[in-house]
Amino acid sequence: MSAVDVSSGIIKGRPYGGTAVLYGKQLARFISVVNSCEPRLCAIRVVTCEGPIMIANVYMPTDSNEYEAYYEYVCMCTMIHSLFSDSDCVYLVVAGDFNCKLDSKFYDVFCNF
């Protein structure tokens, strides 16, 4: 699913990318999808001997120097935290494209996350 709205006429980012979590079918009995309803985030719950683990893949918003991008970044961090908090998972692994570097206005949000 694309993480970029291509209907607006002005395209920012890579409109034909998205997120995914791939796993071998021999692991399917231990895995369930965590529904996020967000194209920038997909997550799975994996049952392990240590307890359930949530693995999330994200494509965070790009720092475009607009307040909307900052707000969306904060919302994504909050959504990931909420998904984990509302689950029975004991560990969280978040991977993907965080679109954050040292001079980004997102950096403090990323570090707090």
PDB file of N, CA and C in Angstrom:
ATOM      1  N   MET A   1       0.849  -1.173   0.000  1.00  0.00           N
ATOM      2  CA  MET A   1       0.000   0.000   0.000  1.00  0.00           C
ATOM      3  C   MET A   1       0.893   1.233   0.000  1.00  0.00           C
ATOM      4  N   SER A   2       0.609   2.170  -0.847  1.00  0.00           N
ATOM      5  CA  SER A   2       1.418   3.374  -0.938  1.00  0.00           C
ATOM      6  C   SER A   2       1.249   4.229   0.307  1.00  0.00           C
ATOM      7  N   ALA A   3       2.370   4.800   0.768  1.00  0.00           N
ATOM      8  CA  ALA A   3       2.342   5.673   1.938  1.00  0.00           C
ATOM      9  C   ALA A   3       2.207   7.136   1.535  1.00  0.00           C
ATOM     10  N   VAL A   4       2.043   7.402   0.251  1.00  0.00           N
ATOM     11  CA  VAL A   4       1.945   8.763  -0.255  1.00  0.00           C
ATOM     12  C   VAL A   4       0.606   8.945  -0.958  1.00  0.00           C
ATOM     13  N   ASP A   5      -0.065  10.051  -0.674  1.00  0.00           N
ATOM     14  CA  ASP A   5      -1.341  10.375  -1.316  1.00  0.00           C
ATOM     15  C   ASP A   5      -1.059  10.893  -2.725  1.00  0.00           C
ATOM     16  N   VAL A   6      -1.362  10.069  -3.735  1.00  0.00           N
ATOM     17  CA  VAL A   6      -1.094  10.461  -5.121  1.00  0.00           C
ATOM     18  C   VAL A   6      -2.258  11.227  -5.732  1.00  0.00           C
ATOM     19  N   SER A   7      -3.342  11.402  -5.002  1.00  0.00           N
ATOM     20  CA  SER A   7      -4.512  12.082  -5.546  1.00  0.00           C
ATOM     21  C   SER A   7      -4.430  13.596  -5.417  1.00  0.00           C
ATOM     22  N   SER A   8      -3.468  14.116  -4.655  1.00  0.00           N
ATOM     23  CA  SER A   8      -3.418  15.555  -4.386  1.00  0.00           C
ATOM     24  C   SER A   8      -2.830  16.363  -5.533  1.00  0.00           C
ATOM     25  N   GLY A   9      -2.212  15.716  -6.508  1.00  0.00           N
ATOM     26  CA  GLY A   9      -1.627  16.444  -7.629  1.00  0.00           C
ATOM     27  C   GLY A   9      -0.156  16.741  -7.435  1.00  0.00           C
ATOM     28  N   ILE A  10       0.259  17.074  -6.218  1.00  0.00           N
ATOM     29  CA  ILE A  10       1.665  17.308  -5.912  1.00  0.00           C
ATOM     30  C   ILE A  10       2.155  16.122  -5.106  1.00  0.00           C
ATOM     31  N   ILE A  11       3.147  15.429  -5.632  1.00  0.00           N
ATOM     32  CA  ILE A  11       3.624  14.215  -5.000  1.00  0.00           C
ATOM     33  C   ILE A  11       4.927  14.489  -4.270  1.00  0.00           C
ATOM     34  N   LYS A  12       4.958  14.144  -2.984  1.00  0.00           N
ATOM     35  CA  LYS A  12       6.166  14.231  -2.169  1.00  0.00           C
ATOM     36  C   LYS A  12       6.498  12.835  -1.705  1.00  0.00           C
ATOM     37  N   GLY A  13       7.741  12.424  -1.850  1.00  0.00           N
ATOM     38  CA  GLY A  13       8.143  11.088  -1.451  1.00  0.00           C
ATOM     39  C   GLY A  13       8.109  10.131  -2.618  1.00  0.00           C
ATOM     40  N   ARG A  14       8.163   8.857  -2.316  1.00  0.00           N
ATOM     41  CA  ARG A  14       8.140   7.813  -3.347  1.00  0.00           C
ATOM     42  C   ARG A  14       6.748   7.186  -3.347  1.00  0.00           C
ATOM     43  N   PRO A  15       5.898   7.560  -4.293  1.00  0.00           N
ATOM     44  CA  PRO A  15       4.484   7.176  -4.232  1.00  0.00           C
ATOM     45  C   PRO A  15       4.189   5.708  -4.499  1.00  0.00           C
ATOM     46  N   TYR A  16       5.147   4.953  -4.939  1.00  0.00           N
ATOM     47  CA  TYR A  16       4.830   3.570  -5.274  1.00  0.00           C
ATOM     48  C   TYR A  16       5.548   2.579  -4.362  1.00  0.00           C
ATOM     49  N   GLY A  17       6.017   3.070  -3.224  1.00  0.00           N
ATOM     50  CA  GLY A  17       6.631   2.202  -2.217  1.00  0.00           C
ATOM     51  C   GLY A  17       5.603   1.836  -1.176  1.00  0.00           C
ATOM     52  N   GLY A  18       6.062   1.397  -0.048  1.00  0.00           N
ATOM     53  CA  GLY A  18       5.166   1.040   1.040  1.00  0.00           C
ATOM     54  C   GLY A  18       5.909   0.223   2.062  1.00  0.00           C
ATOM     55  N   THR A  19       5.191  -0.475   2.904  1.00  0.00           N
ATOM     56  CA  THR A  19       5.803  -1.291   3.939  1.00  0.00           C
ATOM     57  C   THR A  19       5.324  -2.727   3.829  1.00  0.00           C
ATOM     58  N   ALA A  20       6.148  -3.635   4.335  1.00  0.00           N
ATOM     59  CA  ALA A  20       5.793  -5.058   4.341  1.00  0.00           C
ATOM     60  C   ALA A  20       6.645  -5.762   5.377  1.00  0.00           C
ATOM     61  N   VAL A  21       6.151  -6.875   5.853  1.00  0.00           N
ATOM     62  CA  VAL A  21       6.924  -7.786   6.686  1.00  0.00           C
ATOM     63  C   VAL A  21       6.813  -9.151   6.020  1.00  0.00           C
ATOM     64  N   LEU A  22       7.942  -9.719   5.659  1.00  0.00           N
ATOM     65  CA  LEU A  22       7.959 -11.024   5.002  1.00  0.00           C
ATOM     66  C   LEU A  22       8.468 -12.081   5.975  1.00  0.00           C
ATOM     67  N   TYR A  23       7.883 -13.264   5.886  1.00  0.00           N
ATOM     68  CA  TYR A  23       8.320 -14.371   6.734  1.00  0.00           C
ATOM     69  C   TYR A  23       8.052 -15.674   5.995  1.00  0.00           C
ATOM     70  N   GLY A  24       8.787 -16.711   6.376  1.00  0.00           N
ATOM     71  CA  GLY A  24       8.611 -18.030   5.784  1.00  0.00           C
ATOM     72  C   GLY A  24       7.309 -18.666   6.227  1.00  0.00           C
ATOM     73  N   LYS A  25       6.667 -19.398   5.334  1.00  0.00           N
ATOM     74  CA  LYS A  25       5.360 -19.969   5.668  1.00  0.00           C
ATOM     75  C   LYS A  25       5.433 -20.997   6.794  1.00  0.00           C
ATOM     76  N   GLN A  26       6.618 -21.535   7.073  1.00  0.00           N
ATOM     77  CA  GLN A  26       6.745 -22.466   8.197  1.00  0.00           C
ATOM     78  C   GLN A  26       6.565 -21.747   9.539  1.00  0.00           C
ATOM     79  N   LEU A  27       6.666 -20.415   9.535  1.00  0.00           N
ATOM     80  CA  LEU A  27       6.459 -19.624  10.757  1.00  0.00           C
ATOM     81  C   LEU A  27       5.034 -19.095  10.891  1.00  0.00           C
ATOM     82  N   ALA A  28       4.211 -19.301   9.875  1.00  0.00           N
ATOM     83  CA  ALA A  28       2.872 -18.699   9.825  1.00  0.00           C
ATOM     84  C   ALA A  28       2.010 -19.041  11.038  1.00  0.00           C
ATOM     85  N   ARG A  29       2.161 -20.213  11.601  1.00  0.00           N
ATOM     86  CA  ARG A  29       1.326 -20.586  12.750  1.00  0.00           C
ATOM     87  C   ARG A  29       1.665 -19.788  14.008  1.00  0.00           C
ATOM     88  N   PHE A  30       2.828 -19.124  14.014  1.00  0.00           N
ATOM     89  CA  PHE A  30       3.244 -18.319  15.160  1.00  0.00           C
ATOM     90  C   PHE A  30       2.994 -16.824  14.963  1.00  0.00           C
ATOM     91  N   ILE A  31       2.482 -16.460  13.797  1.00  0.00           N
ATOM     92  CA  ILE A  31       2.398 -15.045  13.417  1.00  0.00           C
ATOM     93  C   ILE A  31       0.960 -14.635  13.147  1.00  0.00           C
ATOM     94  N   SER A  32       0.608 -13.445  13.643  1.00  0.00           N
ATOM     95  CA  SER A  32      -0.677 -12.839  13.291  1.00  0.00           C
ATOM     96  C   SER A  32      -0.442 -11.371  12.949  1.00  0.00           C
ATOM     97  N   VAL A  33      -1.285 -10.855  12.084  1.00  0.00           N
ATOM     98  CA  VAL A  33      -1.160  -9.462  11.639  1.00  0.00           C
ATOM     99  C   VAL A  33      -1.765  -8.540  12.689  1.00  0.00           C
ATOM    100  N   VAL A  34      -1.067  -7.453  12.970  1.00  0.00           N
ATOM    101  CA  VAL A  34      -1.579  -6.408  13.868  1.00  0.00           C
ATOM    102  C   VAL A  34      -2.129  -5.317  12.965  1.00  0.00           C
ATOM    103  N   ASN A  35      -3.418  -5.075  13.027  1.00  0.00           N
ATOM    104  CA  ASN A  35      -4.056  -4.112  12.136  1.00  0.00           C
ATOM    105  C   ASN A  35      -3.805  -2.685  12.619  1.00  0.00           C
ATOM    106  N   SER A  36      -3.152  -1.894  11.778  1.00  0.00           N
ATOM    107  CA  SER A  36      -2.860  -0.505  12.151  1.00  0.00           C
ATOM    108  C   SER A  36      -3.720   0.495  11.382  1.00  0.00           C
ATOM    109  N   CYS A  37      -4.321   0.071  10.265  1.00  0.00           N
ATOM    110  CA  CYS A  37      -5.119   0.959   9.409  1.00  0.00           C
ATOM    111  C   CYS A  37      -4.296   2.166   8.950  1.00  0.00           C
ATOM    112  N   GLU A  38      -3.010   1.998   8.817  1.00  0.00           N
ATOM    113  CA  GLU A  38      -2.102   3.085   8.439  1.00  0.00           C
ATOM    114  C   GLU A  38      -1.142   2.580   7.366  1.00  0.00           C
ATOM    115  N   PRO A  39      -1.139   3.198   6.174  1.00  0.00           N
ATOM    116  CA  PRO A  39      -0.269   2.710   5.105  1.00  0.00           C
ATOM    117  C   PRO A  39       1.221   2.877   5.394  1.00  0.00           C
ATOM    118  N   ARG A  40       1.593   3.743   6.323  1.00  0.00           N
ATOM    119  CA  ARG A  40       3.003   3.929   6.662  1.00  0.00           C
ATOM    120  C   ARG A  40       3.496   2.924   7.704  1.00  0.00           C
ATOM    121  N   LEU A  41       2.631   2.037   8.152  1.00  0.00           N
ATOM    122  CA  LEU A  41       2.986   1.121   9.230  1.00  0.00           C
ATOM    123  C   LEU A  41       2.332  -0.233   9.017  1.00  0.00           C
ATOM    124  N   CYS A  42       3.133  -1.277   9.125  1.00  0.00           N
ATOM    125  CA  CYS A  42       2.570  -2.621   9.186  1.00  0.00           C
ATOM    126  C   CYS A  42       3.259  -3.341  10.337  1.00  0.00           C
ATOM    127  N   ALA A  43       2.542  -4.225  10.978  1.00  0.00           N
ATOM    128  CA  ALA A  43       3.092  -4.913  12.146  1.00  0.00           C
ATOM    129  C   ALA A  43       2.552  -6.327  12.237  1.00  0.00           C
ATOM    130  N   ILE A  44       3.357  -7.175  12.865  1.00  0.00           N
ATOM    131  CA  ILE A  44       2.945  -8.545  13.134  1.00  0.00           C
ATOM    132  C   ILE A  44       3.220  -8.858  14.602  1.00  0.00           C
ATOM    133  N   ARG A  45       2.516  -9.862  15.095  1.00  0.00           N
ATOM    134  CA  ARG A  45       2.720 -10.386  16.447  1.00  0.00           C
ATOM    135  C   ARG A  45       3.272 -11.786  16.277  1.00  0.00           C
ATOM    136  N   VAL A  46       4.420 -12.045  16.901  1.00  0.00           N
ATOM    137  CA  VAL A  46       5.085 -13.341  16.789  1.00  0.00           C
ATOM    138  C   VAL A  46       5.105 -13.994  18.165  1.00  0.00           C
ATOM    139  N   VAL A  47       4.582 -15.208  18.242  1.00  0.00           N
ATOM    140  CA  VAL A  47       4.595 -15.955  19.497  1.00  0.00           C
ATOM    141  C   VAL A  47       5.961 -16.628  19.624  1.00  0.00           C
ATOM    142  N   THR A  48       6.650 -16.354  20.748  1.00  0.00           N
ATOM    143  CA  THR A  48       7.960 -16.950  21.017  1.00  0.00           C
ATOM    144  C   THR A  48       7.957 -17.567  22.415  1.00  0.00           C
ATOM    145  N   CYS A  49       9.010 -18.286  22.751  1.00  0.00           N
ATOM    146  CA  CYS A  49       9.113 -18.873  24.093  1.00  0.00           C
ATOM    147  C   CYS A  49       9.318 -17.800  25.160  1.00  0.00           C
ATOM    148  N   GLU A  50       9.723 -16.596  24.779  1.00  0.00           N
ATOM    149  CA  GLU A  50       9.884 -15.471  25.707  1.00  0.00           C
ATOM    150  C   GLU A  50       8.580 -14.700  25.909  1.00  0.00           C
ATOM    151  N   GLY A  51       7.594 -14.976  25.066  1.00  0.00           N
ATOM    152  CA  GLY A  51       6.332 -14.242  25.060  1.00  0.00           C
ATOM    153  C   GLY A  51       6.131 -13.629  23.692  1.00  0.00           C
ATOM    154  N   PRO A  52       4.965 -13.043  23.450  1.00  0.00           N
ATOM    155  CA  PRO A  52       4.707 -12.461  22.131  1.00  0.00           C
ATOM    156  C   PRO A  52       5.571 -11.223  21.872  1.00  0.00           C
ATOM    157  N   ILE A  53       6.028 -11.100  20.635  1.00  0.00           N
ATOM    158  CA  ILE A  53       6.847  -9.968  20.206  1.00  0.00           C
ATOM    159  C   ILE A  53       6.116  -9.260  19.072  1.00  0.00           C
ATOM    160  N   MET A  54       6.111  -7.937  19.106  1.00  0.00           N
ATOM    161  CA  MET A  54       5.556  -7.158  18.002  1.00  0.00           C
ATOM    162  C   MET A  54       6.719  -6.664  17.143  1.00  0.00           C
ATOM    163  N   ILE A  55       6.610  -6.921  15.852  1.00  0.00           N
ATOM    164  CA  ILE A  55       7.593  -6.420  14.893  1.00  0.00           C
ATOM    165  C   ILE A  55       6.864  -5.464  13.967  1.00  0.00           C
ATOM    166  N   ALA A  56       7.332  -4.222  13.939  1.00  0.00           N
ATOM    167  CA  ALA A  56       6.691  -3.189  13.124  1.00  0.00           C
ATOM    168  C   ALA A  56       7.664  -2.687  12.070  1.00  0.00           C
ATOM    169  N   ASN A  57       7.146  -2.437  10.888  1.00  0.00           N
ATOM    170  CA  ASN A  57       7.919  -1.842   9.805  1.00  0.00           C
ATOM    171  C   ASN A  57       7.274  -0.501   9.480  1.00  0.00           C
ATOM    172  N   VAL A  58       8.083   0.567   9.462  1.00  0.00           N
ATOM    173  CA  VAL A  58       7.549   1.908   9.259  1.00  0.00           C
ATOM    174  C   VAL A  58       8.227   2.625   8.097  1.00  0.00           C
ATOM    175  N   TYR A  59       7.479   3.507   7.504  1.00  0.00           N
ATOM    176  CA  TYR A  59       8.003   4.461   6.525  1.00  0.00           C
ATOM    177  C   TYR A  59       7.561   5.825   7.041  1.00  0.00           C
ATOM    178  N   MET A  60       8.443   6.440   7.832  1.00  0.00           N
ATOM    179  CA  MET A  60       8.095   7.692   8.500  1.00  0.00           C
ATOM    180  C   MET A  60       8.069   8.851   7.503  1.00  0.00           C
ATOM    181  N   PRO A  61       7.313   9.900   7.824  1.00  0.00           N
ATOM    182  CA  PRO A  61       7.223  11.066   6.938  1.00  0.00           C
ATOM    183  C   PRO A  61       8.589  11.739   6.739  1.00  0.00           C
ATOM    184  N   THR A  62       8.737  12.382   5.610  1.00  0.00           N
ATOM    185  CA  THR A  62       9.953  13.115   5.283  1.00  0.00           C
ATOM    186  C   THR A  62       9.917  14.496   5.924  1.00  0.00           C
ATOM    187  N   ASP A  63      11.057  14.981   6.371  1.00  0.00           N
ATOM    188  CA  ASP A  63      11.160  16.311   6.976  1.00  0.00           C
ATOM    189  C   ASP A  63      11.124  17.351   5.859  1.00  0.00           C
ATOM    190  N   SER A  64       9.938  17.869   5.604  1.00  0.00           N
ATOM    191  CA  SER A  64       9.741  18.831   4.514  1.00  0.00           C
ATOM    192  C   SER A  64       9.681  20.267   5.026  1.00  0.00           C
ATOM    193  N   ASN A  65      10.070  20.482   6.278  1.00  0.00           N
ATOM    194  CA  ASN A  65      10.020  21.806   6.913  1.00  0.00           C
ATOM    195  C   ASN A  65       8.607  22.368   7.017  1.00  0.00           C
ATOM    196  N   GLU A  66       7.622  21.514   6.998  1.00  0.00           N
ATOM    197  CA  GLU A  66       6.237  21.930   7.174  1.00  0.00           C
ATOM    198  C   GLU A  66       5.725  21.358   8.498  1.00  0.00           C
ATOM    199  N   TYR A  67       4.864  22.118   9.157  1.00  0.00           N
ATOM    200  CA  TYR A  67       4.313  21.660  10.437  1.00  0.00           C
ATOM    201  C   TYR A  67       3.564  20.340  10.259  1.00  0.00           C
ATOM    202  N   GLU A  68       2.886  20.181   9.143  1.00  0.00           N
ATOM    203  CA  GLU A  68       2.098  18.970   8.893  1.00  0.00           C
ATOM    204  C   GLU A  68       2.983  17.722   8.955  1.00  0.00           C
ATOM    205  N   ALA A  69       4.197  17.807   8.398  1.00  0.00           N
ATOM    206  CA  ALA A  69       5.117  16.667   8.416  1.00  0.00           C
ATOM    207  C   ALA A  69       5.537  16.343   9.853  1.00  0.00           C
ATOM    208  N   TYR A  70       5.814  17.370  10.641  1.00  0.00           N
ATOM    209  CA  TYR A  70       6.193  17.172  12.042  1.00  0.00           C
ATOM    210  C   TYR A  70       5.040  16.518  12.811  1.00  0.00           C
ATOM    211  N   TYR A  71       3.843  17.026  12.615  1.00  0.00           N
ATOM    212  CA  TYR A  71       2.652  16.486  13.270  1.00  0.00           C
ATOM    213  C   TYR A  71       2.456  15.019  12.887  1.00  0.00           C
ATOM    214  N   GLU A  72       2.624  14.700  11.607  1.00  0.00           N
ATOM    215  CA  GLU A  72       2.459  13.330  11.134  1.00  0.00           C
ATOM    216  C   GLU A  72       3.524  12.409  11.743  1.00  0.00           C
ATOM    217  N   TYR A  73       4.748  12.925  11.895  1.00  0.00           N
ATOM    218  CA  TYR A  73       5.822  12.141  12.500  1.00  0.00           C
ATOM    219  C   TYR A  73       5.482  11.795  13.952  1.00  0.00           C
ATOM    220  N   VAL A  74       5.039  12.798  14.699  1.00  0.00           N
ATOM    221  CA  VAL A  74       4.649  12.588  16.096  1.00  0.00           C
ATOM    222  C   VAL A  74       3.481  11.603  16.170  1.00  0.00           C
ATOM    223  N   CYS A  75       2.521  11.741  15.289  1.00  0.00           N
ATOM    224  CA  CYS A  75       1.353  10.835  15.272  1.00  0.00           C
ATOM    225  C   CYS A  75       1.776   9.395  14.998  1.00  0.00           C
ATOM    226  N   MET A  76       2.732   9.205  14.083  1.00  0.00           N
ATOM    227  CA  MET A  76       3.199   7.854  13.782  1.00  0.00           C
ATOM    228  C   MET A  76       3.877   7.224  14.998  1.00  0.00           C
ATOM    229  N   CYS A  77       4.722   7.991  15.680  1.00  0.00           N
ATOM    230  CA  CYS A  77       5.378   7.480  16.898  1.00  0.00           C
ATOM    231  C   CYS A  77       4.339   7.121  17.948  1.00  0.00           C
ATOM    232  N   THR A  78       3.337   7.970  18.096  1.00  0.00           N
ATOM    233  CA  THR A  78       2.264   7.725  19.057  1.00  0.00           C
ATOM    234  C   THR A  78       1.470   6.476  18.683  1.00  0.00           C
ATOM    235  N   MET A  79       1.208   6.299  17.399  1.00  0.00           N
ATOM    236  CA  MET A  79       0.451   5.137  16.940  1.00  0.00           C
ATOM    237  C   MET A  79       1.215   3.843  17.226  1.00  0.00           C
ATOM    238  N   ILE A  80       2.507   3.845  16.956  1.00  0.00           N
ATOM    239  CA  ILE A  80       3.314   2.652  17.225  1.00  0.00           C
ATOM    240  C   ILE A  80       3.288   2.337  18.723  1.00  0.00           C
ATOM    241  N   HIS A  81       3.481   3.357  19.528  1.00  0.00           N
ATOM    242  CA  HIS A  81       3.459   3.172  20.984  1.00  0.00           C
ATOM    243  C   HIS A  81       2.100   2.633  21.433  1.00  0.00           C
ATOM    244  N   SER A  82       1.017   3.171  20.892  1.00  0.00           N
ATOM    245  CA  SER A  82      -0.331   2.724  21.266  1.00  0.00           C
ATOM    246  C   SER A  82      -0.591   1.280  20.855  1.00  0.00           C
ATOM    247  N   LEU A  83      -0.173   0.914  19.636  1.00  0.00           N
ATOM    248  CA  LEU A  83      -0.350  -0.469  19.189  1.00  0.00           C
ATOM    249  C   LEU A  83       0.335  -1.431  20.149  1.00  0.00           C
ATOM    250  N   PHE A  84       1.549  -1.076  20.545  1.00  0.00           N
ATOM    251  CA  PHE A  84       2.309  -1.930  21.461  1.00  0.00           C
ATOM    252  C   PHE A  84       1.665  -1.955  22.850  1.00  0.00           C
ATOM    253  N   SER A  85       1.295  -0.796  23.361  1.00  0.00           N
ATOM    254  CA  SER A  85       0.692  -0.706  24.697  1.00  0.00           C
ATOM    255  C   SER A  85      -0.625  -1.456  24.785  1.00  0.00           C
ATOM    256  N   ASP A  86      -1.398  -1.440  23.716  1.00  0.00           N
ATOM    257  CA  ASP A  86      -2.699  -2.103  23.705  1.00  0.00           C
ATOM    258  C   ASP A  86      -2.599  -3.604  23.453  1.00  0.00           C
ATOM    259  N   SER A  87      -1.405  -4.092  23.176  1.00  0.00           N
ATOM    260  CA  SER A  87      -1.226  -5.513  22.881  1.00  0.00           C
ATOM    261  C   SER A  87      -0.736  -6.258  24.129  1.00  0.00           C
ATOM    262  N   ASP A  88      -0.610  -7.553  23.994  1.00  0.00           N
ATOM    263  CA  ASP A  88      -0.047  -8.359  25.075  1.00  0.00           C
ATOM    264  C   ASP A  88       1.428  -8.674  24.826  1.00  0.00           C
ATOM    265  N   CYS A  89       2.026  -7.987  23.859  1.00  0.00           N
ATOM    266  CA  CYS A  89       3.418  -8.242  23.496  1.00  0.00           C
ATOM    267  C   CYS A  89       4.366  -7.758  24.589  1.00  0.00           C
ATOM    268  N   VAL A  90       5.447  -8.514  24.779  1.00  0.00           N
ATOM    269  CA  VAL A  90       6.421  -8.176  25.809  1.00  0.00           C
ATOM    270  C   VAL A  90       7.622  -7.419  25.246  1.00  0.00           C
ATOM    271  N   TYR A  91       7.819  -7.496  23.945  1.00  0.00           N
ATOM    272  CA  TYR A  91       8.912  -6.784  23.281  1.00  0.00           C
ATOM    273  C   TYR A  91       8.392  -6.126  22.011  1.00  0.00           C
ATOM    274  N   LEU A  92       9.069  -5.063  21.608  1.00  0.00           N
ATOM    275  CA  LEU A  92       8.734  -4.342  20.378  1.00  0.00           C
ATOM    276  C   LEU A  92      10.004  -4.136  19.572  1.00  0.00           C
ATOM    277  N   VAL A  93       9.948  -4.489  18.304  1.00  0.00           N
ATOM    278  CA  VAL A  93      11.034  -4.224  17.367  1.00  0.00           C
ATOM    279  C   VAL A  93      10.455  -3.324  16.277  1.00  0.00           C
ATOM    280  N   VAL A  94      11.066  -2.166  16.091  1.00  0.00           N
ATOM    281  CA  VAL A  94      10.617  -1.243  15.049  1.00  0.00           C
ATOM    282  C   VAL A  94      11.765  -1.064  14.057  1.00  0.00           C
ATOM    283  N   ALA A  95      11.483  -1.306  12.795  1.00  0.00           N
ATOM    284  CA  ALA A  95      12.487  -1.175  11.746  1.00  0.00           C
ATOM    285  C   ALA A  95      11.860  -0.434  10.570  1.00  0.00           C
ATOM    286  N   GLY A  96      12.689   0.041   9.678  1.00  0.00           N
ATOM    287  CA  GLY A  96      12.180   0.694   8.484  1.00  0.00           C
ATOM    288  C   GLY A  96      12.939   1.960   8.167  1.00  0.00           C
ATOM    289  N   ASP A  97      12.265   2.870   7.498  1.00  0.00           N
ATOM    290  CA  ASP A  97      12.854   4.145   7.097  1.00  0.00           C
ATOM    291  C   ASP A  97      12.331   5.215   8.050  1.00  0.00           C
ATOM    292  N   PHE A  98      13.194   5.690   8.948  1.00  0.00           N
ATOM    293  CA  PHE A  98      12.784   6.672   9.955  1.00  0.00           C
ATOM    294  C   PHE A  98      12.885   8.105   9.452  1.00  0.00           C
ATOM    295  N   ASN A  99      13.493   8.316   8.281  1.00  0.00           N
ATOM    296  CA  ASN A  99      13.621   9.661   7.693  1.00  0.00           C
ATOM    297  C   ASN A  99      14.072  10.688   8.732  1.00  0.00           C
ATOM    298  N   CYS A 100      15.107  10.358   9.463  1.00  0.00           N
ATOM    299  CA  CYS A 100      15.556  11.231  10.547  1.00  0.00           C
ATOM    300  C   CYS A 100      17.075  11.242  10.584  1.00  0.00           C
ATOM    301  N   LYS A 101      17.642  12.424  10.609  1.00  0.00           N
ATOM    302  CA  LYS A 101      19.079  12.561  10.782  1.00  0.00           C
ATOM    303  C   LYS A 101      19.338  13.600  11.866  1.00  0.00           C
ATOM    304  N   LEU A 102      20.577  13.782  12.237  1.00  0.00           N
ATOM    305  CA  LEU A 102      20.919  14.646  13.371  1.00  0.00           C
ATOM    306  C   LEU A 102      20.382  16.065  13.254  1.00  0.00           C
ATOM    307  N   ASP A 103      20.348  16.629  12.052  1.00  0.00           N
ATOM    308  CA  ASP A 103      19.900  18.016  11.891  1.00  0.00           C
ATOM    309  C   ASP A 103      18.407  18.138  11.569  1.00  0.00           C
ATOM    310  N   SER A 104      17.677  17.039  11.644  1.00  0.00           N
ATOM    311  CA  SER A 104      16.246  17.052  11.364  1.00  0.00           C
ATOM    312  C   SER A 104      15.472  17.568  12.570  1.00  0.00           C
ATOM    313  N   LYS A 105      14.371  18.251  12.314  1.00  0.00           N
ATOM    314  CA  LYS A 105      13.516  18.679  13.427  1.00  0.00           C
ATOM    315  C   LYS A 105      12.804  17.482  14.055  1.00  0.00           C
ATOM    316  N   PHE A 106      12.859  16.326  13.398  1.00  0.00           N
ATOM    317  CA  PHE A 106      12.276  15.104  13.932  1.00  0.00           C
ATOM    318  C   PHE A 106      13.195  14.423  14.948  1.00  0.00           C
ATOM    319  N   TYR A 107      14.458  14.833  15.020  1.00  0.00           N
ATOM    320  CA  TYR A 107      15.461  14.096  15.778  1.00  0.00           C
ATOM    321  C   TYR A 107      15.079  13.930  17.254  1.00  0.00           C
ATOM    322  N   ASP A 108      14.618  14.983  17.893  1.00  0.00           N
ATOM    323  CA  ASP A 108      14.238  14.883  19.315  1.00  0.00           C
ATOM    324  C   ASP A 108      13.048  13.945  19.508  1.00  0.00           C
ATOM    325  N   VAL A 109      12.095  13.999  18.593  1.00  0.00           N
ATOM    326  CA  VAL A 109      10.932  13.109  18.671  1.00  0.00           C
ATOM    327  C   VAL A 109      11.401  11.658  18.533  1.00  0.00           C
ATOM    328  N   PHE A 110      12.286  11.427  17.570  1.00  0.00           N
ATOM    329  CA  PHE A 110      12.819  10.078  17.328  1.00  0.00           C
ATOM    330  C   PHE A 110      13.552   9.567  18.569  1.00  0.00           C
ATOM    331  N   CYS A 111      14.416  10.395  19.168  1.00  0.00           N
ATOM    332  CA  CYS A 111      15.164   9.985  20.356  1.00  0.00           C
ATOM    333  C   CYS A 111      14.236   9.699  21.533  1.00  0.00           C
ATOM    334  N   ASN A 112      13.201  10.489  21.719  1.00  0.00           N
ATOM    335  CA  ASN A 112      12.238  10.250  22.797  1.00  0.00           C
ATOM    336  C   ASN A 112      11.433   8.981  22.553  1.00  0.00           C
ATOM    337  N   PHE A 113      11.168   8.706  21.291  1.00  0.00           N
ATOM    338  CA  PHE A 113      10.427   7.494  20.947  1.00  0.00           C
ATOM    339  C   PHE A 113      11.234   6.268  21.367  1.00  0.00           C
TER     340      PHE A 113
END
